[in-house]
């Protein structure tokens, strides 16, 4: 039988308390933001080098939300999830998650990237101040397939938000951001 000393009991209590506090750190000490920033930078580099016409969107937009990797899977019912950053003047100001649910005749999995260009300050303000923003029919979409060109026309640039979907890989027909809900996160 062992006797528990006061010192051992105090050390055990401190270790338990420290473990509990480290589990609740709220992302302050995590490297999640740096990981997202690195992925966003690589994604934008790929987008602008592969589809140079999108640089015009970058130059005229008030901000851009970049989702470097969205994973979508379905077997009758489906869902998608990704994390990214909102850039204003090239600087990450907020981090967001994108979630989507769907039901229908569908099977497979796919990964893709997308960017939402906010073409007006008002559209950017509405996005940032909403508790959860959903991509809908008011977005002008531009999709890319292998070997095709992707560019922004003057009609596209008159829309308040322009969505660009690119880098699709997988076995699920079509990538869409319509119906995707965006929520602010702490990475």
N, C-alpha and C. Protein backbone atom coordinates (compact mmCIF):
# COMPACT_ATOMS: atom_id res chain seq x y z
N UNK A 1 0.84 -1.16 0.00
CA UNK A 1 0.00 0.00 0.00
C UNK A 1 0.89 1.24 0.00
N UNK A 2 0.60 2.20 -0.88
CA UNK A 2 1.44 3.38 -0.92
C UNK A 2 0.72 4.55 -0.28
N UNK A 3 1.50 5.43 0.28
CA UNK A 3 0.94 6.61 0.94
C UNK A 3 1.15 7.78 0.01
N UNK A 4 0.08 8.50 -0.26
CA UNK A 4 0.12 9.65 -1.15
C UNK A 4 0.51 10.89 -0.35
N UNK A 5 1.63 11.49 -0.72
CA UNK A 5 2.06 12.69 -0.01
C UNK A 5 1.33 13.91 -0.54
N UNK A 6 1.36 14.95 0.24
CA UNK A 6 0.73 16.20 -0.18
C UNK A 6 1.37 16.75 -1.45
N UNK A 7 2.67 16.62 -1.53
CA UNK A 7 3.40 17.12 -2.71
C UNK A 7 2.98 16.35 -3.96
N UNK A 8 2.85 15.05 -3.89
CA UNK A 8 2.45 14.23 -5.04
C UNK A 8 1.02 14.55 -5.44
N UNK A 9 0.14 14.75 -4.45
CA UNK A 9 -1.26 15.10 -4.74
C UNK A 9 -1.33 16.47 -5.44
N UNK A 10 -0.55 17.43 -4.96
CA UNK A 10 -0.54 18.76 -5.55
C UNK A 10 0.00 18.72 -6.98
N UNK A 11 1.06 17.97 -7.21
CA UNK A 11 1.64 17.85 -8.56
C UNK A 11 0.65 17.17 -9.50
N UNK A 12 -0.04 16.16 -9.03
CA UNK A 12 -1.04 15.48 -9.86
C UNK A 12 -2.18 16.42 -10.22
N UNK A 13 -2.63 17.22 -9.25
CA UNK A 13 -3.71 18.18 -9.51
C UNK A 13 -3.26 19.24 -10.51
N UNK A 14 -2.05 19.73 -10.38
CA UNK A 14 -1.53 20.73 -11.32
C UNK A 14 -1.40 20.16 -12.73
N UNK A 15 -0.93 18.92 -12.84
CA UNK A 15 -0.79 18.29 -14.16
C UNK A 15 -2.15 18.10 -14.81
N UNK A 16 -3.14 17.68 -14.04
CA UNK A 16 -4.49 17.50 -14.56
C UNK A 16 -5.06 18.85 -15.02
N UNK A 17 -4.88 19.88 -14.20
CA UNK A 17 -5.37 21.22 -14.57
C UNK A 17 -4.70 21.76 -15.82
N UNK A 18 -3.39 21.55 -15.94
CA UNK A 18 -2.67 22.02 -17.12
C UNK A 18 -3.14 21.28 -18.37
N UNK A 19 -3.39 19.99 -18.24
CA UNK A 19 -3.89 19.21 -19.38
C UNK A 19 -5.26 19.68 -19.82
N UNK A 20 -6.11 19.96 -18.86
CA UNK A 20 -7.47 20.45 -19.18
C UNK A 20 -7.40 21.81 -19.85
N UNK A 21 -6.54 22.70 -19.37
CA UNK A 21 -6.42 24.03 -19.97
C UNK A 21 -5.84 23.96 -21.38
N UNK A 22 -4.89 23.09 -21.61
CA UNK A 22 -4.31 23.00 -22.95
C UNK A 22 -5.30 22.43 -23.95
N UNK A 23 -6.24 21.63 -23.50
CA UNK A 23 -7.26 21.09 -24.40
C UNK A 23 -8.29 22.16 -24.78
N UNK A 24 -8.38 23.23 -24.02
CA UNK A 24 -9.37 24.28 -24.26
C UNK A 24 -8.72 25.56 -24.74
N UNK A 25 -7.66 25.49 -25.52
CA UNK A 25 -6.92 26.69 -25.86
C UNK A 25 -7.56 27.54 -26.93
N UNK A 26 -8.70 27.12 -27.53
CA UNK A 26 -9.46 27.98 -28.42
C UNK A 26 -8.68 28.35 -29.69
N UNK A 27 -7.65 27.64 -30.01
CA UNK A 27 -6.91 27.90 -31.24
C UNK A 27 -5.86 28.98 -31.14
N UNK A 28 -5.70 29.61 -29.97
CA UNK A 28 -4.77 30.72 -29.84
C UNK A 28 -3.34 30.27 -30.10
N UNK A 29 -2.97 29.12 -29.61
CA UNK A 29 -1.59 28.65 -29.77
C UNK A 29 -1.43 27.68 -30.93
N UNK A 30 -2.47 27.45 -31.72
CA UNK A 30 -2.37 26.47 -32.79
C UNK A 30 -1.73 27.07 -34.03
N UNK A 31 -1.32 26.20 -34.94
CA UNK A 31 -0.73 26.65 -36.20
C UNK A 31 -1.73 26.56 -37.34
N UNK A 32 -3.02 26.45 -37.02
CA UNK A 32 -4.06 26.32 -38.03
C UNK A 32 -4.09 27.49 -39.01
N UNK A 33 -3.93 28.70 -38.50
CA UNK A 33 -3.96 29.88 -39.37
C UNK A 33 -2.79 29.86 -40.36
N UNK A 34 -1.60 29.50 -39.89
CA UNK A 34 -0.43 29.45 -40.78
C UNK A 34 -0.63 28.39 -41.87
N UNK A 35 -1.23 27.26 -41.49
CA UNK A 35 -1.49 26.19 -42.48
C UNK A 35 -2.48 26.67 -43.53
N UNK A 36 -3.55 27.32 -43.09
CA UNK A 36 -4.54 27.84 -44.04
C UNK A 36 -3.92 28.90 -44.92
N UNK A 37 -3.14 29.82 -44.34
CA UNK A 37 -2.49 30.88 -45.12
C UNK A 37 -1.57 30.30 -46.20
N UNK A 38 -0.80 29.27 -45.85
CA UNK A 38 0.10 28.65 -46.82
C UNK A 38 -0.68 28.00 -47.96
N UNK A 39 -1.78 27.32 -47.62
CA UNK A 39 -2.61 26.69 -48.66
C UNK A 39 -3.29 27.73 -49.54
N UNK A 40 -3.73 28.82 -48.95
CA UNK A 40 -4.36 29.90 -49.71
C UNK A 40 -3.36 30.50 -50.69
N UNK A 41 -2.15 30.77 -50.23
CA UNK A 41 -1.11 31.34 -51.10
C UNK A 41 -0.79 30.41 -52.27
N UNK A 42 -0.65 29.12 -51.99
CA UNK A 42 -0.36 28.15 -53.06
C UNK A 42 -1.53 28.05 -54.04
N UNK A 43 -2.75 28.09 -53.53
CA UNK A 43 -3.93 28.01 -54.38
C UNK A 43 -4.04 29.22 -55.30
N UNK A 44 -3.83 30.41 -54.74
CA UNK A 44 -3.89 31.62 -55.57
C UNK A 44 -2.78 31.65 -56.60
N UNK A 45 -1.60 31.19 -56.23
CA UNK A 45 -0.50 31.12 -57.19
C UNK A 45 -0.87 30.21 -58.36
N UNK A 46 -1.45 29.05 -58.05
CA UNK A 46 -1.90 28.12 -59.09
C UNK A 46 -2.99 28.76 -59.95
N UNK A 47 -3.97 29.37 -59.31
CA UNK A 47 -5.09 29.98 -60.05
C UNK A 47 -4.60 31.06 -61.01
N UNK A 48 -3.77 31.97 -60.54
CA UNK A 48 -3.34 33.08 -61.38
C UNK A 48 -2.35 32.66 -62.47
N UNK A 49 -1.56 31.61 -62.20
CA UNK A 49 -0.64 31.15 -63.25
C UNK A 49 -1.35 30.28 -64.29
N UNK A 50 -2.35 29.51 -63.86
CA UNK A 50 -3.07 28.63 -64.78
C UNK A 50 -4.14 29.38 -65.56
N UNK A 51 -4.80 30.31 -64.91
CA UNK A 51 -5.89 31.09 -65.52
C UNK A 51 -5.60 32.58 -65.35
N UNK A 52 -4.72 33.14 -66.19
CA UNK A 52 -4.29 34.53 -66.03
C UNK A 52 -5.44 35.54 -66.09
N UNK A 53 -6.55 35.18 -66.72
CA UNK A 53 -7.68 36.10 -66.79
C UNK A 53 -8.28 36.41 -65.43
N UNK A 54 -8.02 35.57 -64.43
CA UNK A 54 -8.57 35.81 -63.10
C UNK A 54 -7.81 36.90 -62.34
N UNK A 55 -6.64 37.28 -62.84
CA UNK A 55 -5.89 38.37 -62.20
C UNK A 55 -6.66 39.67 -62.28
N UNK A 56 -7.45 39.83 -63.33
CA UNK A 56 -8.29 41.02 -63.48
C UNK A 56 -9.34 41.07 -62.36
N UNK A 57 -9.89 39.92 -61.99
CA UNK A 57 -10.82 39.86 -60.86
C UNK A 57 -10.13 40.30 -59.57
N UNK A 58 -8.93 39.78 -59.35
CA UNK A 58 -8.15 40.13 -58.16
C UNK A 58 -7.93 41.64 -58.08
N UNK A 59 -7.56 42.23 -59.22
CA UNK A 59 -7.21 43.65 -59.23
C UNK A 59 -8.40 44.57 -59.02
N UNK A 60 -9.62 44.12 -59.35
CA UNK A 60 -10.78 44.99 -59.23
C UNK A 60 -11.70 44.63 -58.07
N UNK A 61 -11.42 43.57 -57.35
CA UNK A 61 -12.31 43.14 -56.27
C UNK A 61 -11.97 43.85 -54.96
N UNK A 62 -12.98 43.91 -54.08
CA UNK A 62 -12.80 44.49 -52.75
C UNK A 62 -12.18 43.47 -51.80
N UNK A 63 -12.34 42.19 -52.10
CA UNK A 63 -11.80 41.12 -51.28
C UNK A 63 -12.07 39.79 -51.94
N UNK A 64 -11.38 38.76 -51.47
CA UNK A 64 -11.56 37.42 -52.04
C UNK A 64 -11.52 36.39 -50.92
N UNK A 65 -12.50 35.48 -50.94
CA UNK A 65 -12.52 34.35 -50.03
C UNK A 65 -11.99 33.15 -50.79
N UNK A 66 -10.92 32.54 -50.28
CA UNK A 66 -10.28 31.42 -50.97
C UNK A 66 -10.45 30.15 -50.14
N UNK A 67 -11.03 29.15 -50.75
CA UNK A 67 -11.16 27.82 -50.15
C UNK A 67 -10.22 26.90 -50.91
N UNK A 68 -9.02 26.65 -50.38
CA UNK A 68 -8.02 25.87 -51.11
C UNK A 68 -8.40 24.42 -51.35
N UNK A 69 -9.17 23.83 -50.45
CA UNK A 69 -9.52 22.42 -50.61
C UNK A 69 -10.89 22.18 -50.00
N UNK A 70 -11.84 21.85 -50.85
CA UNK A 70 -13.17 21.46 -50.41
C UNK A 70 -13.34 20.00 -50.79
N UNK A 71 -13.71 19.18 -49.83
CA UNK A 71 -13.92 17.77 -50.08
C UNK A 71 -15.42 17.49 -50.04
N UNK A 72 -15.89 16.86 -51.11
CA UNK A 72 -17.31 16.56 -51.26
C UNK A 72 -17.46 15.06 -51.46
N UNK A 73 -18.38 14.45 -50.71
CA UNK A 73 -18.64 13.01 -50.84
C UNK A 73 -20.14 12.78 -50.80
N UNK A 74 -20.60 11.77 -51.54
CA UNK A 74 -22.03 11.50 -51.60
C UNK A 74 -22.31 10.04 -51.87
N UNK A 75 -23.37 9.56 -51.25
CA UNK A 75 -23.96 8.26 -51.53
C UNK A 75 -25.45 8.44 -51.23
N UNK A 76 -26.16 8.97 -52.21
CA UNK A 76 -27.55 9.38 -52.00
C UNK A 76 -27.58 10.75 -51.36
N UNK A 77 -27.22 10.82 -50.09
CA UNK A 77 -27.05 12.11 -49.41
C UNK A 77 -25.58 12.45 -49.46
N UNK A 78 -25.30 13.73 -49.55
CA UNK A 78 -23.90 14.13 -49.67
C UNK A 78 -23.60 15.34 -48.83
N UNK A 79 -22.33 15.62 -48.70
CA UNK A 79 -21.89 16.78 -47.96
C UNK A 79 -20.52 17.22 -48.42
N UNK A 80 -20.20 18.46 -48.13
CA UNK A 80 -18.89 19.00 -48.48
C UNK A 80 -18.40 19.87 -47.34
N UNK A 81 -17.07 19.96 -47.19
CA UNK A 81 -16.48 20.78 -46.15
C UNK A 81 -15.11 21.27 -46.60
N UNK A 82 -14.80 22.50 -46.22
CA UNK A 82 -13.48 23.07 -46.48
C UNK A 82 -13.24 24.26 -45.57
N UNK A 83 -11.98 24.67 -45.47
CA UNK A 83 -11.62 25.85 -44.69
C UNK A 83 -10.76 26.76 -45.54
N UNK A 84 -10.91 28.07 -45.32
CA UNK A 84 -10.13 29.02 -46.09
C UNK A 84 -10.03 30.36 -45.41
N UNK A 85 -9.56 31.34 -46.17
CA UNK A 85 -9.31 32.67 -45.62
C UNK A 85 -9.91 33.75 -46.50
N UNK A 86 -10.34 34.83 -45.86
CA UNK A 86 -10.82 36.01 -46.56
C UNK A 86 -9.66 36.99 -46.63
N UNK A 87 -9.30 37.37 -47.85
CA UNK A 87 -8.20 38.31 -48.06
C UNK A 87 -8.75 39.67 -48.48
N UNK A 88 -8.28 40.71 -47.84
CA UNK A 88 -8.59 42.08 -48.23
C UNK A 88 -7.25 42.77 -48.44
N UNK A 89 -7.04 43.29 -49.62
CA UNK A 89 -5.75 43.89 -50.00
C UNK A 89 -4.61 42.90 -49.82
N UNK A 90 -4.87 41.62 -50.10
CA UNK A 90 -3.84 40.60 -50.05
C UNK A 90 -3.51 40.09 -48.66
N UNK A 91 -4.23 40.54 -47.63
CA UNK A 91 -3.95 40.14 -46.25
C UNK A 91 -5.15 39.35 -45.70
N UNK A 92 -4.87 38.23 -45.03
CA UNK A 92 -5.94 37.44 -44.41
C UNK A 92 -6.53 38.21 -43.23
N UNK A 93 -7.83 38.49 -43.31
CA UNK A 93 -8.49 39.23 -42.23
C UNK A 93 -9.41 38.34 -41.41
N UNK A 94 -9.90 37.25 -41.96
CA UNK A 94 -10.77 36.31 -41.26
C UNK A 94 -10.60 34.92 -41.87
N UNK A 95 -11.03 33.92 -41.11
CA UNK A 95 -10.99 32.53 -41.58
C UNK A 95 -12.41 31.98 -41.56
N UNK A 96 -12.72 31.15 -42.56
CA UNK A 96 -14.08 30.65 -42.73
C UNK A 96 -14.07 29.16 -43.04
N UNK A 97 -15.19 28.53 -42.68
CA UNK A 97 -15.44 27.15 -43.12
C UNK A 97 -16.57 27.20 -44.14
N UNK A 98 -16.56 26.25 -45.04
CA UNK A 98 -17.62 26.11 -46.04
C UNK A 98 -18.24 24.74 -45.86
N UNK A 99 -19.56 24.70 -45.69
CA UNK A 99 -20.26 23.42 -45.55
C UNK A 99 -21.41 23.38 -46.54
N UNK A 100 -21.70 22.18 -46.99
CA UNK A 100 -22.77 22.00 -47.97
C UNK A 100 -23.39 20.63 -47.76
N UNK A 101 -24.69 20.55 -47.89
CA UNK A 101 -25.40 19.27 -47.81
C UNK A 101 -26.29 19.14 -49.04
N UNK A 102 -26.45 17.91 -49.51
CA UNK A 102 -27.28 17.68 -50.69
C UNK A 102 -27.92 16.30 -50.61
N UNK A 103 -29.05 16.16 -51.26
CA UNK A 103 -29.76 14.89 -51.32
C UNK A 103 -30.17 14.67 -52.77
N UNK A 104 -30.07 13.43 -53.24
CA UNK A 104 -30.46 13.13 -54.61
C UNK A 104 -29.71 11.91 -55.11
N UNK A 105 -29.82 11.68 -56.40
CA UNK A 105 -29.12 10.56 -57.01
C UNK A 105 -27.67 10.97 -57.24
N UNK A 106 -26.82 10.59 -56.33
CA UNK A 106 -25.40 10.95 -56.43
C UNK A 106 -24.57 9.91 -55.71
N UNK A 107 -23.38 9.69 -56.24
CA UNK A 107 -22.45 8.76 -55.63
C UNK A 107 -21.04 9.19 -56.03
N UNK A 108 -20.12 9.14 -55.09
CA UNK A 108 -18.73 9.45 -55.40
C UNK A 108 -18.12 10.44 -54.43
N UNK A 109 -16.93 10.88 -54.78
CA UNK A 109 -16.20 11.85 -53.97
C UNK A 109 -15.41 12.76 -54.89
N UNK A 110 -15.20 13.97 -54.45
CA UNK A 110 -14.49 14.94 -55.26
C UNK A 110 -13.84 15.98 -54.36
N UNK A 111 -12.74 16.52 -54.85
CA UNK A 111 -12.09 17.63 -54.17
C UNK A 111 -11.91 18.74 -55.20
N UNK A 112 -12.06 19.97 -54.74
CA UNK A 112 -11.88 21.11 -55.63
C UNK A 112 -11.53 22.33 -54.79
N UNK A 113 -11.14 23.38 -55.46
CA UNK A 113 -10.86 24.66 -54.82
C UNK A 113 -11.82 25.69 -55.39
N UNK A 114 -12.09 26.72 -54.63
CA UNK A 114 -12.88 27.81 -55.18
C UNK A 114 -12.53 29.12 -54.50
N UNK A 115 -12.83 30.17 -55.23
CA UNK A 115 -12.60 31.53 -54.74
C UNK A 115 -13.84 32.36 -55.00
N UNK A 116 -14.22 33.16 -54.03
CA UNK A 116 -15.33 34.10 -54.19
C UNK A 116 -14.75 35.50 -54.20
N UNK A 117 -14.93 36.19 -55.31
CA UNK A 117 -14.46 37.56 -55.44
C UNK A 117 -15.61 38.51 -55.14
N UNK A 118 -15.43 39.36 -54.14
CA UNK A 118 -16.44 40.36 -53.79
C UNK A 118 -16.11 41.61 -54.58
N UNK A 119 -16.95 41.90 -55.57
CA UNK A 119 -16.64 42.97 -56.53
C UNK A 119 -17.03 44.36 -56.02
N UNK A 120 -17.82 44.42 -54.95
CA UNK A 120 -18.19 45.72 -54.38
C UNK A 120 -17.90 45.70 -52.89
N UNK A 121 -17.67 46.87 -52.33
CA UNK A 121 -17.46 47.00 -50.88
C UNK A 121 -18.71 46.57 -50.12
N UNK A 122 -19.88 46.86 -50.70
CA UNK A 122 -21.14 46.49 -50.07
C UNK A 122 -21.28 44.97 -49.96
N UNK A 123 -20.95 44.25 -51.02
CA UNK A 123 -21.02 42.79 -51.00
C UNK A 123 -20.05 42.23 -49.95
N UNK A 124 -18.87 42.79 -49.87
CA UNK A 124 -17.89 42.35 -48.87
C UNK A 124 -18.39 42.65 -47.47
N UNK A 125 -18.95 43.81 -47.25
CA UNK A 125 -19.49 44.19 -45.95
C UNK A 125 -20.63 43.25 -45.54
N UNK A 126 -21.54 42.97 -46.46
CA UNK A 126 -22.65 42.07 -46.17
C UNK A 126 -22.16 40.67 -45.80
N UNK A 127 -21.12 40.20 -46.48
CA UNK A 127 -20.55 38.89 -46.18
C UNK A 127 -19.94 38.88 -44.78
N UNK A 128 -19.15 39.89 -44.47
CA UNK A 128 -18.42 39.92 -43.19
C UNK A 128 -19.33 40.14 -41.99
N UNK A 129 -20.45 40.82 -42.18
CA UNK A 129 -21.32 41.11 -41.04
C UNK A 129 -22.45 40.11 -40.86
N UNK A 130 -22.60 39.17 -41.78
CA UNK A 130 -23.66 38.18 -41.63
C UNK A 130 -23.20 37.06 -40.69
N UNK A 131 -24.14 36.50 -39.90
CA UNK A 131 -23.76 35.42 -38.98
C UNK A 131 -23.42 34.12 -39.70
N UNK A 132 -23.92 33.92 -40.87
CA UNK A 132 -23.64 32.75 -41.70
C UNK A 132 -24.13 33.10 -43.09
N UNK A 133 -23.26 33.08 -44.07
CA UNK A 133 -23.60 33.56 -45.41
C UNK A 133 -23.72 32.36 -46.33
N UNK A 134 -24.74 32.35 -47.17
CA UNK A 134 -24.96 31.21 -48.07
C UNK A 134 -24.83 31.64 -49.51
N UNK A 135 -24.06 30.88 -50.27
CA UNK A 135 -23.90 31.15 -51.70
C UNK A 135 -25.20 30.78 -52.40
N UNK A 136 -25.72 31.69 -53.20
CA UNK A 136 -27.00 31.44 -53.87
C UNK A 136 -26.97 31.87 -55.31
N UNK A 137 -28.15 32.17 -55.82
CA UNK A 137 -28.30 32.50 -57.23
C UNK A 137 -27.78 33.86 -57.64
N UNK A 138 -27.40 34.71 -56.67
CA UNK A 138 -26.91 36.03 -57.02
C UNK A 138 -25.42 36.04 -57.35
N UNK A 139 -24.79 34.88 -57.33
CA UNK A 139 -23.37 34.79 -57.65
C UNK A 139 -23.21 34.41 -59.11
N UNK A 140 -22.31 35.08 -59.79
CA UNK A 140 -21.93 34.72 -61.15
C UNK A 140 -20.83 33.67 -61.03
N UNK A 141 -21.00 32.50 -61.66
CA UNK A 141 -20.05 31.40 -61.54
C UNK A 141 -19.16 31.29 -62.77
N UNK A 142 -17.94 30.88 -62.54
CA UNK A 142 -17.02 30.54 -63.61
C UNK A 142 -16.39 29.21 -63.26
N UNK A 143 -16.60 28.20 -64.09
CA UNK A 143 -16.07 26.86 -63.84
C UNK A 143 -14.97 26.58 -64.85
N UNK A 144 -14.03 25.75 -64.45
CA UNK A 144 -12.97 25.37 -65.38
C UNK A 144 -12.84 23.86 -65.45
N UNK A 145 -12.62 23.38 -66.63
CA UNK A 145 -12.30 21.98 -66.85
C UNK A 145 -10.90 21.93 -67.46
N UNK A 146 -10.30 20.77 -67.47
CA UNK A 146 -8.97 20.64 -68.05
C UNK A 146 -8.97 21.13 -69.50
N UNK A 147 -8.00 21.93 -69.84
CA UNK A 147 -7.82 22.36 -71.21
C UNK A 147 -8.69 23.54 -71.63
N UNK A 148 -9.54 24.03 -70.77
CA UNK A 148 -10.39 25.15 -71.14
C UNK A 148 -9.86 26.43 -70.50
N UNK A 149 -10.23 27.53 -71.10
CA UNK A 149 -9.82 28.83 -70.61
C UNK A 149 -10.81 29.34 -69.59
N UNK A 150 -10.36 30.07 -68.62
CA UNK A 150 -11.22 30.68 -67.63
C UNK A 150 -10.87 32.15 -67.59
N UNK A 151 -11.85 33.00 -67.85
CA UNK A 151 -11.56 34.42 -67.82
C UNK A 151 -12.76 35.17 -67.29
N UNK A 152 -12.54 36.40 -66.93
CA UNK A 152 -13.61 37.25 -66.41
C UNK A 152 -14.01 38.24 -67.48
N UNK A 153 -15.29 38.28 -67.78
CA UNK A 153 -15.79 39.23 -68.76
C UNK A 153 -16.31 40.46 -68.04
N UNK A 154 -16.66 41.50 -68.80
CA UNK A 154 -17.21 42.70 -68.18
C UNK A 154 -18.58 42.39 -67.56
N UNK A 155 -19.34 41.48 -68.14
CA UNK A 155 -20.62 41.08 -67.55
C UNK A 155 -20.40 40.42 -66.20
N UNK A 156 -19.41 39.55 -66.12
CA UNK A 156 -19.09 38.88 -64.88
C UNK A 156 -18.69 39.89 -63.81
N UNK A 157 -17.91 40.89 -64.19
CA UNK A 157 -17.42 41.85 -63.21
C UNK A 157 -18.49 42.80 -62.71
N UNK A 158 -19.66 42.85 -63.34
CA UNK A 158 -20.75 43.68 -62.86
C UNK A 158 -21.53 42.99 -61.75
N UNK A 159 -21.32 41.71 -61.55
CA UNK A 159 -21.98 40.97 -60.47
C UNK A 159 -21.34 41.35 -59.15
N UNK A 160 -22.13 41.36 -58.04
CA UNK A 160 -21.54 41.72 -56.76
C UNK A 160 -20.56 40.67 -56.23
N UNK A 161 -20.78 39.40 -56.57
CA UNK A 161 -19.89 38.32 -56.15
C UNK A 161 -19.66 37.40 -57.34
N UNK A 162 -18.39 37.06 -57.58
CA UNK A 162 -18.03 36.14 -58.66
C UNK A 162 -17.37 34.92 -58.02
N UNK A 163 -17.91 33.73 -58.30
CA UNK A 163 -17.35 32.49 -57.79
C UNK A 163 -16.58 31.76 -58.88
N UNK A 164 -15.38 31.33 -58.55
CA UNK A 164 -14.53 30.59 -59.49
C UNK A 164 -14.25 29.22 -58.87
N UNK A 165 -14.63 28.16 -59.58
CA UNK A 165 -14.40 26.79 -59.13
C UNK A 165 -13.34 26.18 -60.05
N UNK A 166 -12.30 25.59 -59.47
CA UNK A 166 -11.20 25.06 -60.28
C UNK A 166 -10.51 23.93 -59.54
N UNK A 167 -9.65 23.22 -60.26
CA UNK A 167 -8.83 22.16 -59.67
C UNK A 167 -9.62 20.94 -59.26
N UNK A 168 -10.71 20.63 -59.98
CA UNK A 168 -11.53 19.48 -59.62
C UNK A 168 -10.76 18.17 -59.81
N UNK A 169 -10.92 17.27 -58.84
CA UNK A 169 -10.34 15.93 -58.93
C UNK A 169 -11.27 14.97 -58.20
N UNK A 170 -11.57 13.87 -58.84
CA UNK A 170 -12.42 12.88 -58.18
C UNK A 170 -13.46 12.32 -59.12
N UNK A 171 -14.36 11.53 -58.58
CA UNK A 171 -15.36 10.83 -59.38
C UNK A 171 -16.77 11.21 -58.95
N UNK A 172 -17.08 12.49 -58.99
CA UNK A 172 -18.42 12.98 -58.70
C UNK A 172 -18.72 14.02 -59.76
N UNK A 173 -19.85 13.87 -60.42
CA UNK A 173 -20.18 14.78 -61.53
C UNK A 173 -20.45 16.18 -61.02
N UNK A 174 -19.63 17.13 -61.44
CA UNK A 174 -19.87 18.54 -61.17
C UNK A 174 -19.48 19.00 -59.79
N UNK A 175 -18.92 20.18 -59.73
CA UNK A 175 -18.62 20.84 -58.46
C UNK A 175 -19.38 22.15 -58.47
N UNK A 176 -20.11 22.38 -57.44
CA UNK A 176 -20.91 23.59 -57.35
C UNK A 176 -20.76 24.20 -55.97
N UNK A 177 -20.79 25.52 -55.89
CA UNK A 177 -20.74 26.17 -54.59
C UNK A 177 -22.10 26.75 -54.22
N UNK A 178 -23.10 26.59 -55.09
CA UNK A 178 -24.43 27.08 -54.77
C UNK A 178 -24.98 26.27 -53.60
N UNK A 179 -25.52 26.95 -52.60
CA UNK A 179 -26.04 26.28 -51.42
C UNK A 179 -24.99 26.04 -50.36
N UNK A 180 -23.78 26.51 -50.57
CA UNK A 180 -22.71 26.37 -49.58
C UNK A 180 -22.85 27.45 -48.52
N UNK A 181 -22.74 27.06 -47.26
CA UNK A 181 -22.83 28.02 -46.16
C UNK A 181 -21.43 28.31 -45.65
N UNK A 182 -21.13 29.58 -45.48
CA UNK A 182 -19.82 30.03 -44.99
C UNK A 182 -19.99 30.58 -43.58
N UNK A 183 -19.14 30.12 -42.66
CA UNK A 183 -19.19 30.56 -41.27
C UNK A 183 -17.79 30.93 -40.82
N UNK A 184 -17.67 32.00 -40.05
CA UNK A 184 -16.38 32.43 -39.52
C UNK A 184 -15.90 31.41 -38.50
N UNK A 185 -14.59 31.10 -38.52
CA UNK A 185 -13.99 30.14 -37.59
C UNK A 185 -12.75 30.73 -36.97
N UNK A 186 -12.30 30.10 -35.89
CA UNK A 186 -11.00 30.39 -35.30
C UNK A 186 -10.15 29.15 -35.55
N UNK A 187 -9.17 29.25 -36.47
CA UNK A 187 -8.40 28.05 -36.82
C UNK A 187 -7.46 27.58 -35.72
